Amino acid sequence: MYILLERAIEETHQALVYHIKVKLKQNSRHVRNVNITFSCTESQFFGVFKGFIHNYYPKTGTYKCIFRGAD
């Protein structure tokens, strides 16, 4: 894993926020779990999701992140 510059992490964060907003607009009437797939390096992923990683599944190599909106 490489250490990325803050600027690179911020650019990844901005791209991901845009991607999530587009996906959520498609499902705006259904406010349940939404799966989002986004290609990035592991370093970018950890830089953006530091405190949100809930679980790692070694069999599939996937991570589960949990976000909760305002009630």
Foldseek 3Di string as FASTA:
>chain_A
DDADDPVVLVVLLVVVVVQVVVQCVVVVVPPDDDDDDDDDDPNSVCSNCVPFFDDADVVVRDTDGDDDDDD
